[in-house]
Amino acid sequence: MEARPRWMRRAAVAAVASLLLLAGCAARAASPASGKNSLRLRQAWARAAEAGQNAAVYLTIENPTGQADRLLDVRTDVAGRAELHQSRMNGGVMEMQPVTGGLEVGAGKSLSLAPGGYHIMLFDLRRSLRPGDRFQLQLRFRRAGLVEVPVEVRSAAAAMPGM
């Protein structure tokens, strides 16, 4: 059996190390919101709506880390713009207004964006959202950075899971 030259062994080791590094980066990119040291985004959904109309997105953000984080803004390709909003009762009338300064997710806490409270408002939909469709939403956090989450479209009469 013939021994391989030293340079071939070094090249093989370098190639394997590069592949392991790429695999690690790919795994982190594929699941940026998982693990004990990162935010978890769960149950993201939106009500069905027609192109040109507005829609709301709801989800739960869990922060298992030891440091608070802040949701700064959101974006998606399916709408002209996306904003953080809050609905609340004022004198018996439901009002909706933009949230300025973002939303804090405390260390070890969770934040639910749900009907009747905080939510993500999508303005000027570029396409109709039909029940069963999915689209991507990007949320930018102060500490975690940009986190992408798939959003499931449900019927216009849908309620928050567990409600």
Foldseek 3Di string as FASTA:
>chain_A
DDDDDPVVVVVVVVVVVVVVVVVVVVVCVVCVQDDQQHKHKDQWAKEWDFAQAKIWIKIKIFANAQAKKFFQAKDFPFAPGKFKKFWEDDPNDIDIDTDPPTGIAGHRGMDTCFPRTIIMMGGRGRGTQDQQDKGKMWIAMPPSGIDIDIYGYHHNPDGRPPD
